[in-house]
N, C-alpha and C. Protein backbone atom coordinates (compact mmCIF):
# COMPACT_ATOMS: atom_id res chain seq x y z
N MET A 1 -19.05 27.77 106.54
CA MET A 1 -19.98 26.96 105.78
C MET A 1 -20.61 25.91 106.70
N THR A 2 -21.91 25.78 106.65
CA THR A 2 -22.59 24.80 107.49
C THR A 2 -22.85 23.52 106.70
N THR A 3 -23.04 22.42 107.42
CA THR A 3 -23.26 21.13 106.77
C THR A 3 -24.44 20.41 107.40
N THR A 4 -25.06 19.55 106.60
CA THR A 4 -26.11 18.66 107.07
C THR A 4 -25.65 17.23 106.82
N THR A 5 -25.62 16.43 107.87
CA THR A 5 -25.02 15.11 107.81
C THR A 5 -25.99 14.05 108.34
N ALA A 6 -25.65 12.79 108.09
CA ALA A 6 -26.35 11.66 108.68
C ALA A 6 -25.35 10.52 108.82
N HIS A 7 -25.54 9.70 109.86
CA HIS A 7 -24.63 8.59 110.15
C HIS A 7 -25.49 7.42 110.60
N MET A 8 -25.49 6.32 109.81
CA MET A 8 -26.41 5.22 110.05
C MET A 8 -25.68 3.88 109.96
N SER A 9 -26.03 2.94 110.82
CA SER A 9 -25.60 1.55 110.67
C SER A 9 -26.61 0.84 109.78
N VAL A 10 -26.10 -0.02 108.88
CA VAL A 10 -26.97 -0.64 107.88
C VAL A 10 -26.53 -2.08 107.65
N SER A 11 -27.49 -2.96 107.39
CA SER A 11 -27.19 -4.35 107.09
C SER A 11 -26.69 -4.49 105.65
N LEU A 12 -26.14 -5.65 105.34
CA LEU A 12 -25.67 -5.88 103.97
C LEU A 12 -26.80 -5.79 102.96
N ASP A 13 -28.02 -6.12 103.38
CA ASP A 13 -29.14 -6.03 102.45
C ASP A 13 -29.92 -4.73 102.59
N GLY A 14 -29.30 -3.71 103.23
CA GLY A 14 -29.82 -2.35 103.12
C GLY A 14 -30.80 -1.89 104.17
N PHE A 15 -30.92 -2.62 105.28
CA PHE A 15 -31.88 -2.24 106.31
C PHE A 15 -31.18 -1.56 107.48
N VAL A 16 -31.80 -0.49 108.00
CA VAL A 16 -31.26 0.21 109.16
C VAL A 16 -32.06 -0.12 110.43
N ALA A 17 -33.13 -0.88 110.28
CA ALA A 17 -33.92 -1.34 111.42
C ALA A 17 -34.66 -2.60 111.00
N GLY A 18 -34.92 -3.46 111.97
CA GLY A 18 -35.69 -4.65 111.70
C GLY A 18 -37.18 -4.38 111.77
N PRO A 19 -38.00 -5.39 111.52
CA PRO A 19 -39.45 -5.21 111.56
C PRO A 19 -39.98 -5.23 112.99
N ASP A 20 -41.21 -4.76 113.17
CA ASP A 20 -41.94 -4.90 114.43
C ASP A 20 -41.26 -4.19 115.59
N GLN A 21 -41.05 -2.89 115.43
CA GLN A 21 -40.48 -2.09 116.51
C GLN A 21 -41.42 -2.11 117.71
N THR A 22 -40.89 -2.41 118.89
CA THR A 22 -41.66 -2.43 120.13
C THR A 22 -40.80 -1.83 121.24
N TYR A 23 -41.39 -1.72 122.44
CA TYR A 23 -40.61 -1.25 123.58
C TYR A 23 -39.45 -2.18 123.87
N GLU A 24 -39.66 -3.49 123.67
CA GLU A 24 -38.61 -4.46 123.93
C GLU A 24 -37.57 -4.50 122.81
N ASN A 25 -37.97 -4.16 121.59
CA ASN A 25 -37.07 -4.16 120.43
C ASN A 25 -37.12 -2.79 119.76
N PRO A 26 -36.40 -1.82 120.32
CA PRO A 26 -36.52 -0.45 119.81
C PRO A 26 -36.05 -0.27 118.38
N ILE A 27 -35.20 -1.17 117.88
CA ILE A 27 -34.75 -1.07 116.50
C ILE A 27 -35.34 -2.21 115.68
N GLY A 28 -36.44 -2.79 116.16
CA GLY A 28 -37.09 -3.88 115.46
C GLY A 28 -36.39 -5.21 115.72
N ARG A 29 -37.04 -6.29 115.34
CA ARG A 29 -36.47 -7.62 115.55
C ARG A 29 -35.15 -7.75 114.78
N GLY A 30 -34.10 -8.09 115.51
CA GLY A 30 -32.79 -8.26 114.91
C GLY A 30 -32.01 -7.00 114.72
N GLY A 31 -32.62 -5.85 114.97
CA GLY A 31 -31.97 -4.58 114.68
C GLY A 31 -30.75 -4.27 115.53
N MET A 32 -30.71 -4.79 116.74
CA MET A 32 -29.56 -4.49 117.60
C MET A 32 -28.27 -5.07 117.06
N ALA A 33 -28.36 -6.09 116.18
CA ALA A 33 -27.15 -6.66 115.58
C ALA A 33 -26.39 -5.62 114.76
N LEU A 34 -27.09 -4.58 114.30
CA LEU A 34 -26.45 -3.55 113.51
C LEU A 34 -25.54 -2.65 114.33
N HIS A 35 -25.65 -2.71 115.64
CA HIS A 35 -24.93 -1.76 116.49
C HIS A 35 -23.94 -2.41 117.44
N GLN A 36 -23.76 -3.72 117.32
CA GLN A 36 -22.81 -4.38 118.21
C GLN A 36 -21.38 -3.90 117.98
N TRP A 37 -21.09 -3.42 116.80
CA TRP A 37 -19.72 -2.96 116.52
C TRP A 37 -19.30 -1.80 117.41
N HIS A 38 -20.29 -1.06 117.96
CA HIS A 38 -19.90 0.06 118.82
C HIS A 38 -20.50 0.01 120.22
N ILE A 39 -21.41 -0.95 120.51
CA ILE A 39 -21.97 -0.99 121.86
C ILE A 39 -21.58 -2.23 122.64
N ASP A 40 -20.96 -3.21 121.98
CA ASP A 40 -20.54 -4.43 122.68
C ASP A 40 -19.36 -4.10 123.59
N PRO A 41 -19.51 -4.19 124.93
CA PRO A 41 -18.42 -3.82 125.83
C PRO A 41 -17.22 -4.76 125.75
N HIS A 42 -17.40 -5.93 125.16
CA HIS A 42 -16.31 -6.90 125.06
C HIS A 42 -15.58 -6.79 123.73
N HIS A 43 -16.02 -5.87 122.88
CA HIS A 43 -15.39 -5.70 121.57
C HIS A 43 -14.61 -4.39 121.55
N THR A 44 -13.33 -4.49 121.31
CA THR A 44 -12.50 -3.29 121.20
C THR A 44 -11.74 -3.35 119.89
N ASP A 45 -11.85 -2.33 119.11
CA ASP A 45 -11.17 -2.24 117.83
C ASP A 45 -10.91 -0.77 117.56
N GLU A 46 -9.68 -0.43 117.22
CA GLU A 46 -9.34 0.97 117.02
C GLU A 46 -10.12 1.59 115.87
N VAL A 47 -10.34 0.82 114.81
CA VAL A 47 -11.09 1.34 113.67
C VAL A 47 -12.52 1.67 114.10
N ASP A 48 -13.18 0.69 114.75
CA ASP A 48 -14.56 0.93 115.18
C ASP A 48 -14.65 2.08 116.17
N ALA A 49 -13.67 2.18 117.06
CA ALA A 49 -13.69 3.26 118.05
C ALA A 49 -13.62 4.63 117.37
N ARG A 50 -12.80 4.74 116.33
CA ARG A 50 -12.69 6.02 115.63
C ARG A 50 -14.01 6.41 114.97
N TRP A 51 -14.68 5.44 114.35
CA TRP A 51 -15.92 5.76 113.67
C TRP A 51 -17.08 5.91 114.64
N ALA A 52 -17.04 5.20 115.76
CA ALA A 52 -18.08 5.40 116.78
C ALA A 52 -18.02 6.81 117.33
N ALA A 53 -16.83 7.38 117.43
CA ALA A 53 -16.68 8.74 117.95
C ALA A 53 -17.30 9.77 117.01
N ARG A 54 -17.58 9.37 115.76
CA ARG A 54 -18.18 10.29 114.80
C ARG A 54 -19.71 10.22 114.78
N ILE A 55 -20.29 9.29 115.50
CA ILE A 55 -21.74 9.13 115.43
C ILE A 55 -22.44 10.42 115.85
N LEU A 56 -21.94 11.02 116.90
CA LEU A 56 -22.46 12.33 117.31
C LEU A 56 -21.47 13.39 116.85
N PRO A 57 -21.90 14.31 115.99
CA PRO A 57 -20.99 15.32 115.46
C PRO A 57 -20.53 16.30 116.54
N PRO A 58 -19.57 17.17 116.22
CA PRO A 58 -19.08 18.16 117.20
C PRO A 58 -20.22 19.01 117.74
N PRO A 59 -20.10 19.48 118.98
CA PRO A 59 -21.17 20.29 119.58
C PRO A 59 -21.36 21.61 118.86
N GLY A 60 -22.53 22.18 119.09
CA GLY A 60 -22.85 23.49 118.53
C GLY A 60 -23.97 23.45 117.52
N GLY A 61 -24.27 22.26 116.99
CA GLY A 61 -25.34 22.14 116.02
C GLY A 61 -26.63 21.65 116.65
N ALA A 62 -27.48 21.06 115.83
CA ALA A 62 -28.76 20.55 116.30
C ALA A 62 -29.09 19.30 115.48
N TYR A 63 -30.20 18.65 115.84
CA TYR A 63 -30.59 17.39 115.22
C TYR A 63 -32.02 17.46 114.71
N VAL A 64 -32.27 16.68 113.65
CA VAL A 64 -33.63 16.38 113.21
C VAL A 64 -33.81 14.87 113.34
N MET A 65 -34.95 14.47 113.88
CA MET A 65 -35.18 13.05 114.18
C MET A 65 -36.61 12.68 113.80
N GLY A 66 -36.78 11.50 113.24
CA GLY A 66 -38.11 11.00 112.93
C GLY A 66 -38.83 10.53 114.17
N ARG A 67 -40.15 10.49 114.09
CA ARG A 67 -40.97 10.03 115.22
C ARG A 67 -40.60 8.61 115.63
N ASN A 68 -40.38 7.72 114.67
CA ASN A 68 -40.05 6.33 115.00
C ASN A 68 -38.69 6.22 115.69
N MET A 69 -37.79 7.13 115.38
CA MET A 69 -36.49 7.13 116.05
C MET A 69 -36.64 7.56 117.50
N TYR A 70 -37.55 8.47 117.75
CA TYR A 70 -37.75 8.97 119.10
C TYR A 70 -38.39 7.92 120.00
N GLY A 71 -39.28 7.11 119.47
CA GLY A 71 -39.93 6.12 120.32
C GLY A 71 -40.97 5.30 119.59
N PRO A 72 -41.54 4.30 120.25
CA PRO A 72 -42.50 3.40 119.61
C PRO A 72 -43.93 3.90 119.63
N VAL A 73 -44.19 5.05 120.25
CA VAL A 73 -45.55 5.55 120.37
C VAL A 73 -46.08 5.92 118.99
N ARG A 74 -47.28 5.48 118.65
CA ARG A 74 -47.92 5.82 117.39
C ARG A 74 -49.21 6.58 117.67
N GLY A 75 -49.60 7.43 116.75
CA GLY A 75 -50.82 8.19 116.94
C GLY A 75 -50.66 9.26 118.00
N GLU A 76 -51.75 9.57 118.68
CA GLU A 76 -51.72 10.59 119.73
C GLU A 76 -50.74 10.19 120.84
N TRP A 77 -50.10 11.19 121.41
CA TRP A 77 -49.11 10.90 122.46
C TRP A 77 -49.75 10.26 123.68
N SER A 78 -51.02 10.53 123.90
CA SER A 78 -51.68 9.96 125.07
C SER A 78 -51.87 8.45 124.96
N SER A 79 -51.51 7.87 123.81
CA SER A 79 -51.70 6.43 123.62
C SER A 79 -50.73 5.61 124.46
N TYR A 80 -49.72 6.24 125.05
CA TYR A 80 -48.80 5.50 125.91
C TYR A 80 -48.53 6.30 127.18
N ASP A 81 -48.85 5.72 128.31
CA ASP A 81 -48.50 6.28 129.61
C ASP A 81 -48.94 7.74 129.73
N GLU A 82 -50.14 8.03 129.20
CA GLU A 82 -50.70 9.37 129.29
C GLU A 82 -49.77 10.43 128.71
N GLY A 83 -49.01 10.03 127.67
CA GLY A 83 -48.16 10.99 126.98
C GLY A 83 -46.84 11.28 127.67
N ARG A 84 -46.42 10.44 128.62
CA ARG A 84 -45.20 10.74 129.37
C ARG A 84 -43.95 10.08 128.79
N TRP A 85 -44.04 9.51 127.61
CA TRP A 85 -42.86 8.93 126.98
C TRP A 85 -41.81 10.03 126.75
N ARG A 86 -40.54 9.74 127.11
CA ARG A 86 -39.48 10.74 127.04
C ARG A 86 -38.28 10.24 126.24
N GLY A 87 -38.50 9.28 125.34
CA GLY A 87 -37.41 8.79 124.49
C GLY A 87 -36.75 7.55 125.07
N TRP A 88 -35.94 6.91 124.23
CA TRP A 88 -35.31 5.64 124.59
C TRP A 88 -34.14 5.80 125.57
N TRP A 89 -33.59 6.99 125.74
CA TRP A 89 -32.23 7.14 126.23
C TRP A 89 -32.12 7.46 127.71
N GLY A 90 -33.19 7.43 128.46
CA GLY A 90 -33.11 7.81 129.85
C GLY A 90 -33.11 9.32 130.02
N GLU A 91 -32.78 9.76 131.22
CA GLU A 91 -32.90 11.19 131.52
C GLU A 91 -31.76 12.03 130.95
N ASP A 92 -30.68 11.40 130.48
CA ASP A 92 -29.56 12.14 129.89
C ASP A 92 -29.27 11.58 128.51
N PRO A 93 -30.06 11.94 127.49
CA PRO A 93 -29.81 11.45 126.12
C PRO A 93 -28.45 11.92 125.63
N PRO A 94 -27.89 11.23 124.64
CA PRO A 94 -26.51 11.54 124.22
C PRO A 94 -26.37 12.80 123.39
N TYR A 95 -27.47 13.46 123.01
CA TYR A 95 -27.39 14.53 122.01
C TYR A 95 -26.84 15.83 122.58
N HIS A 96 -27.27 16.20 123.77
CA HIS A 96 -26.78 17.42 124.44
C HIS A 96 -26.91 18.64 123.53
N ALA A 97 -28.05 18.72 122.87
CA ALA A 97 -28.33 19.80 121.91
C ALA A 97 -29.82 19.77 121.61
N PRO A 98 -30.34 20.79 120.92
CA PRO A 98 -31.75 20.74 120.52
C PRO A 98 -31.99 19.62 119.51
N VAL A 99 -33.08 18.88 119.69
CA VAL A 99 -33.48 17.81 118.78
C VAL A 99 -34.90 18.10 118.32
N PHE A 100 -35.11 18.14 117.01
CA PHE A 100 -36.41 18.47 116.45
C PHE A 100 -37.03 17.20 115.88
N VAL A 101 -38.11 16.76 116.52
CA VAL A 101 -38.74 15.48 116.22
C VAL A 101 -39.92 15.69 115.28
N LEU A 102 -39.93 14.96 114.16
CA LEU A 102 -41.01 15.03 113.20
C LEU A 102 -42.23 14.26 113.72
N THR A 103 -43.37 14.90 113.72
CA THR A 103 -44.58 14.25 114.22
C THR A 103 -45.81 14.92 113.61
N HIS A 104 -46.92 14.20 113.61
CA HIS A 104 -48.20 14.78 113.18
C HIS A 104 -49.02 15.25 114.38
N HIS A 105 -48.50 15.07 115.58
CA HIS A 105 -49.29 15.35 116.78
C HIS A 105 -48.51 16.31 117.68
N GLU A 106 -49.16 17.38 118.08
CA GLU A 106 -48.50 18.40 118.88
C GLU A 106 -48.08 17.86 120.25
N HIS A 107 -46.97 18.40 120.74
CA HIS A 107 -46.45 18.00 122.05
C HIS A 107 -45.58 19.14 122.56
N GLU A 108 -45.67 19.43 123.82
CA GLU A 108 -44.81 20.45 124.41
C GLU A 108 -43.35 19.98 124.40
N PRO A 109 -42.38 20.92 124.29
CA PRO A 109 -40.97 20.52 124.36
C PRO A 109 -40.67 19.78 125.66
N ILE A 110 -39.70 18.88 125.59
CA ILE A 110 -39.27 18.11 126.75
C ILE A 110 -37.80 18.42 127.00
N GLU A 111 -37.50 19.03 128.13
CA GLU A 111 -36.12 19.33 128.51
C GLU A 111 -35.56 18.16 129.30
N MET A 112 -34.37 17.72 128.91
CA MET A 112 -33.70 16.59 129.55
C MET A 112 -32.40 17.06 130.18
N GLU A 113 -31.75 16.17 130.89
CA GLU A 113 -30.45 16.48 131.46
C GLU A 113 -29.41 16.57 130.34
N GLY A 114 -28.31 17.28 130.63
CA GLY A 114 -27.20 17.34 129.70
C GLY A 114 -27.37 18.31 128.55
N GLY A 115 -28.46 19.07 128.53
CA GLY A 115 -28.64 20.07 127.49
C GLY A 115 -29.50 19.63 126.32
N THR A 116 -30.03 18.40 126.36
CA THR A 116 -30.92 17.94 125.29
C THR A 116 -32.33 18.46 125.53
N THR A 117 -32.93 19.06 124.52
CA THR A 117 -34.35 19.40 124.56
C THR A 117 -34.99 18.86 123.29
N PHE A 118 -36.04 18.06 123.44
CA PHE A 118 -36.80 17.56 122.32
C PHE A 118 -37.91 18.56 121.97
N HIS A 119 -37.89 19.02 120.73
CA HIS A 119 -38.94 19.89 120.21
C HIS A 119 -39.73 19.09 119.18
N PHE A 120 -41.04 19.20 119.21
CA PHE A 120 -41.89 18.38 118.34
C PHE A 120 -42.50 19.26 117.26
N VAL A 121 -42.20 18.91 116.00
CA VAL A 121 -42.51 19.77 114.86
C VAL A 121 -43.58 19.10 114.01
N THR A 122 -44.70 19.77 113.86
CA THR A 122 -45.81 19.22 113.06
C THR A 122 -45.84 19.79 111.64
N GLY A 123 -44.92 20.68 111.33
CA GLY A 123 -44.94 21.34 110.02
C GLY A 123 -44.16 20.64 108.94
N GLY A 124 -43.66 19.42 109.20
CA GLY A 124 -42.95 18.66 108.18
C GLY A 124 -41.44 18.82 108.25
N PHE A 125 -40.76 18.08 107.37
CA PHE A 125 -39.30 18.04 107.40
C PHE A 125 -38.67 19.40 107.18
N ASP A 126 -39.15 20.16 106.20
CA ASP A 126 -38.53 21.44 105.88
C ASP A 126 -38.59 22.40 107.08
N GLU A 127 -39.71 22.39 107.79
CA GLU A 127 -39.83 23.25 108.95
C GLU A 127 -38.91 22.79 110.08
N ALA A 128 -38.81 21.48 110.27
CA ALA A 128 -37.91 20.97 111.30
C ALA A 128 -36.46 21.33 110.99
N LEU A 129 -36.07 21.22 109.73
CA LEU A 129 -34.70 21.57 109.35
C LEU A 129 -34.46 23.05 109.55
N ARG A 130 -35.43 23.88 109.21
CA ARG A 130 -35.27 25.33 109.40
C ARG A 130 -35.05 25.65 110.87
N GLN A 131 -35.87 25.05 111.73
CA GLN A 131 -35.73 25.31 113.16
C GLN A 131 -34.40 24.80 113.70
N ALA A 132 -33.97 23.63 113.21
CA ALA A 132 -32.70 23.08 113.68
C ALA A 132 -31.53 23.96 113.28
N ARG A 133 -31.55 24.47 112.06
CA ARG A 133 -30.45 25.34 111.61
C ARG A 133 -30.41 26.63 112.42
N ALA A 134 -31.59 27.13 112.80
CA ALA A 134 -31.64 28.38 113.55
C ALA A 134 -31.29 28.19 115.03
N ALA A 135 -31.38 26.96 115.51
CA ALA A 135 -31.21 26.71 116.94
C ALA A 135 -29.76 26.66 117.38
N GLY A 136 -28.84 26.40 116.44
CA GLY A 136 -27.44 26.28 116.80
C GLY A 136 -26.56 27.05 115.83
N ASN A 137 -25.44 26.43 115.45
CA ASN A 137 -24.50 27.10 114.56
C ASN A 137 -24.81 26.86 113.09
N GLY A 138 -25.93 26.24 112.81
CA GLY A 138 -26.33 25.97 111.43
C GLY A 138 -26.06 24.56 110.97
N ASN A 139 -25.15 23.85 111.66
CA ASN A 139 -24.90 22.46 111.32
C ASN A 139 -26.01 21.59 111.88
N VAL A 140 -26.47 20.64 111.06
CA VAL A 140 -27.58 19.77 111.46
C VAL A 140 -27.22 18.33 111.15
N ASP A 141 -27.50 17.45 112.09
CA ASP A 141 -27.35 16.02 111.85
C ASP A 141 -28.74 15.39 111.81
N ILE A 142 -29.00 14.60 110.76
CA ILE A 142 -30.26 13.86 110.67
C ILE A 142 -30.05 12.57 111.44
N ALA A 143 -30.63 12.47 112.62
CA ALA A 143 -30.31 11.40 113.56
C ALA A 143 -31.05 10.10 113.26
N GLY A 144 -31.84 10.06 112.20
CA GLY A 144 -32.61 8.86 111.89
C GLY A 144 -34.07 9.09 112.19
N GLY A 145 -34.88 8.09 111.87
CA GLY A 145 -34.48 6.87 111.19
C GLY A 145 -34.42 7.04 109.69
N ALA A 146 -34.68 5.91 109.01
CA ALA A 146 -34.51 5.86 107.56
C ALA A 146 -35.37 6.89 106.84
N SER A 147 -36.61 7.06 107.27
CA SER A 147 -37.51 7.99 106.58
C SER A 147 -36.98 9.41 106.63
N ALA A 148 -36.45 9.83 107.78
CA ALA A 148 -35.92 11.19 107.89
C ALA A 148 -34.72 11.38 106.98
N VAL A 149 -33.85 10.37 106.89
CA VAL A 149 -32.69 10.47 106.00
C VAL A 149 -33.13 10.51 104.55
N ARG A 150 -34.13 9.69 104.18
CA ARG A 150 -34.63 9.72 102.80
C ARG A 150 -35.22 11.08 102.46
N GLN A 151 -35.91 11.69 103.40
CA GLN A 151 -36.47 13.02 103.14
C GLN A 151 -35.37 14.05 102.91
N ALA A 152 -34.29 13.94 103.67
CA ALA A 152 -33.17 14.86 103.47
C ALA A 152 -32.53 14.65 102.11
N LEU A 153 -32.39 13.39 101.69
CA LEU A 153 -31.83 13.10 100.37
C LEU A 153 -32.75 13.60 99.27
N ALA A 154 -34.04 13.36 99.42
CA ALA A 154 -35.00 13.76 98.39
C ALA A 154 -35.02 15.26 98.18
N ARG A 155 -34.79 16.02 99.25
CA ARG A 155 -34.82 17.48 99.17
C ARG A 155 -33.46 18.06 98.76
N GLY A 156 -32.46 17.22 98.64
CA GLY A 156 -31.14 17.71 98.24
C GLY A 156 -30.44 18.53 99.29
N VAL A 157 -30.74 18.28 100.58
CA VAL A 157 -30.14 19.10 101.63
C VAL A 157 -29.04 18.36 102.39
N LEU A 158 -28.86 17.07 102.11
CA LEU A 158 -27.84 16.31 102.83
C LEU A 158 -26.50 16.49 102.14
N ASP A 159 -25.49 16.88 102.92
CA ASP A 159 -24.14 17.08 102.38
C ASP A 159 -23.29 15.83 102.47
N GLU A 160 -23.37 15.11 103.60
CA GLU A 160 -22.57 13.91 103.79
C GLU A 160 -23.39 12.81 104.44
N LEU A 161 -23.12 11.58 104.03
CA LEU A 161 -23.77 10.41 104.59
C LEU A 161 -22.70 9.40 104.96
N THR A 162 -22.68 9.00 106.23
CA THR A 162 -21.78 7.95 106.69
C THR A 162 -22.58 6.69 106.96
N LEU A 163 -22.12 5.57 106.42
CA LEU A 163 -22.76 4.29 106.63
C LEU A 163 -21.78 3.32 107.27
N ASP A 164 -22.22 2.65 108.32
CA ASP A 164 -21.46 1.56 108.93
C ASP A 164 -22.13 0.27 108.47
N ILE A 165 -21.53 -0.41 107.50
CA ILE A 165 -22.14 -1.57 106.86
C ILE A 165 -21.74 -2.82 107.64
N VAL A 166 -22.76 -3.45 108.22
CA VAL A 166 -22.53 -4.57 109.14
C VAL A 166 -22.83 -5.88 108.42
N PRO A 167 -21.97 -6.91 108.55
CA PRO A 167 -22.17 -8.16 107.81
C PRO A 167 -23.26 -9.05 108.41
N VAL A 168 -24.48 -8.54 108.42
CA VAL A 168 -25.65 -9.32 108.81
C VAL A 168 -26.73 -9.09 107.76
N LEU A 169 -27.65 -10.04 107.66
CA LEU A 169 -28.80 -9.93 106.77
C LEU A 169 -30.06 -9.89 107.60
N LEU A 170 -30.86 -8.84 107.44
CA LEU A 170 -32.12 -8.73 108.17
C LEU A 170 -33.31 -9.19 107.33
N HIS A 171 -33.19 -9.15 106.00
CA HIS A 171 -34.22 -9.64 105.07
C HIS A 171 -35.48 -8.78 105.01
N THR A 172 -35.80 -8.10 106.08
CA THR A 172 -36.97 -7.26 106.10
C THR A 172 -36.78 -6.18 107.16
N GLY A 173 -37.62 -5.15 107.11
CA GLY A 173 -37.49 -4.05 108.06
C GLY A 173 -37.58 -2.72 107.35
N GLU A 174 -36.77 -1.76 107.79
CA GLU A 174 -36.80 -0.39 107.26
C GLU A 174 -35.55 -0.14 106.43
N ARG A 175 -35.72 0.05 105.13
CA ARG A 175 -34.59 0.31 104.25
C ARG A 175 -34.22 1.79 104.24
N ILE A 176 -32.93 2.06 104.15
CA ILE A 176 -32.53 3.45 104.01
C ILE A 176 -32.73 3.91 102.56
N PHE A 177 -32.52 3.03 101.59
CA PHE A 177 -32.78 3.34 100.19
C PHE A 177 -33.91 2.41 99.73
N ASP A 178 -35.08 2.99 99.47
CA ASP A 178 -36.24 2.17 99.16
C ASP A 178 -36.69 2.30 97.71
N GLY A 179 -35.86 2.91 96.87
CA GLY A 179 -36.22 3.09 95.47
C GLY A 179 -36.91 4.39 95.17
N SER A 180 -37.25 5.16 96.21
CA SER A 180 -37.96 6.42 95.98
C SER A 180 -37.03 7.61 95.86
N VAL A 181 -35.74 7.41 96.15
CA VAL A 181 -34.79 8.52 96.17
C VAL A 181 -33.60 8.19 95.28
N GLU A 182 -33.20 9.15 94.47
CA GLU A 182 -31.98 9.01 93.69
C GLU A 182 -30.96 10.00 94.24
N ALA A 183 -29.73 9.50 94.46
CA ALA A 183 -28.68 10.37 95.00
C ALA A 183 -27.34 9.91 94.46
N GLY A 184 -26.50 10.87 94.08
CA GLY A 184 -25.15 10.57 93.67
C GLY A 184 -24.24 10.57 94.89
N LEU A 185 -23.45 9.51 95.04
CA LEU A 185 -22.58 9.36 96.20
C LEU A 185 -21.13 9.36 95.75
N GLU A 186 -20.34 10.24 96.32
CA GLU A 186 -18.91 10.30 96.05
C GLU A 186 -18.16 9.81 97.29
N LEU A 187 -17.41 8.74 97.16
CA LEU A 187 -16.69 8.16 98.29
C LEU A 187 -15.59 9.11 98.75
N LEU A 188 -15.61 9.46 100.04
CA LEU A 188 -14.59 10.31 100.62
C LEU A 188 -13.55 9.51 101.40
N GLU A 189 -14.01 8.49 102.12
CA GLU A 189 -13.08 7.64 102.87
C GLU A 189 -13.79 6.37 103.28
N SER A 190 -12.99 5.32 103.54
CA SER A 190 -13.55 4.06 104.03
C SER A 190 -12.50 3.34 104.86
N GLU A 191 -13.00 2.51 105.76
CA GLU A 191 -12.13 1.76 106.66
C GLU A 191 -12.93 0.55 107.16
N SER A 192 -12.25 -0.57 107.36
CA SER A 192 -12.95 -1.78 107.75
C SER A 192 -12.37 -2.38 109.02
N SER A 193 -13.26 -3.04 109.77
CA SER A 193 -12.87 -3.87 110.90
C SER A 193 -13.50 -5.24 110.69
N SER A 194 -13.38 -6.10 111.69
CA SER A 194 -14.00 -7.42 111.58
C SER A 194 -15.51 -7.35 111.72
N ARG A 195 -16.03 -6.22 112.20
CA ARG A 195 -17.47 -6.12 112.46
C ARG A 195 -18.21 -5.16 111.55
N ALA A 196 -17.51 -4.27 110.87
CA ALA A 196 -18.21 -3.29 110.04
C ALA A 196 -17.25 -2.69 109.02
N THR A 197 -17.82 -2.27 107.91
CA THR A 197 -17.11 -1.45 106.93
C THR A 197 -17.69 -0.05 107.00
N HIS A 198 -16.84 0.89 107.31
CA HIS A 198 -17.28 2.28 107.53
C HIS A 198 -16.96 3.10 106.29
N VAL A 199 -17.97 3.78 105.76
CA VAL A 199 -17.76 4.58 104.56
C VAL A 199 -18.42 5.95 104.74
N ARG A 200 -17.73 6.97 104.24
CA ARG A 200 -18.27 8.33 104.29
C ARG A 200 -18.38 8.84 102.87
N TYR A 201 -19.58 9.32 102.52
CA TYR A 201 -19.84 9.80 101.18
C TYR A 201 -20.17 11.29 101.18
N ARG A 202 -19.78 11.97 100.14
CA ARG A 202 -20.32 13.28 99.83
C ARG A 202 -21.51 13.09 98.89
N ILE A 203 -22.57 13.83 99.12
CA ILE A 203 -23.74 13.74 98.26
C ILE A 203 -23.56 14.69 97.08
N ARG A 204 -23.58 14.13 95.89
CA ARG A 204 -23.47 14.95 94.68
C ARG A 204 -24.86 15.41 94.26
N ARG A 205 -25.00 16.69 94.07
CA ARG A 205 -26.28 17.25 93.65
C ARG A 205 -26.28 17.49 92.14
N SER A 206 -27.43 17.32 91.54
CA SER A 206 -27.54 17.47 90.08
C SER A 206 -27.48 18.91 89.63
N ASP A 207 -27.81 19.85 90.55
CA ASP A 207 -27.80 21.26 90.15
C ASP A 207 -26.35 21.74 90.16
């Protein structure tokens, strides 16, 4: 049986990114506070370490990613550095698998070190998910951002959602739940540290 999952850090007031995403602030103003629980080199906690290890699922699957998650470029790809933007992560992104990026603008695939290849899909979420399922063992992780996860929820294709709830307030930015999607959530497990409450839900479908 294959699964479609998503794993997101979120503020207490429901934001997964701050406003005004730029090259200097890839997750928007204040957004990096959502990820200190797993990227702060001076913070060690066994609970956080266990849940950080789940951010990237086991190998063999593929990813679907929104354009905003891939980078700050808007419009035609030539609008930044003659189209040579290659993602936030350097030459060896952490995915090590095919990643299907949602976009309205065509772009040739980009092969990176470590086995990551970014494929750019102009046919919408359903087409990106189809390609991702066919590219690996059928398991797909929706790597963000919020819009891509909402599309997965709206289509009833998400099986599990993990949220790392961080005790900060962003007040504005990109919400994961914006009122446009209804989803039943069944709590499977939860665990807390001083920096985050980690919860994993099964998505209950109405059918």
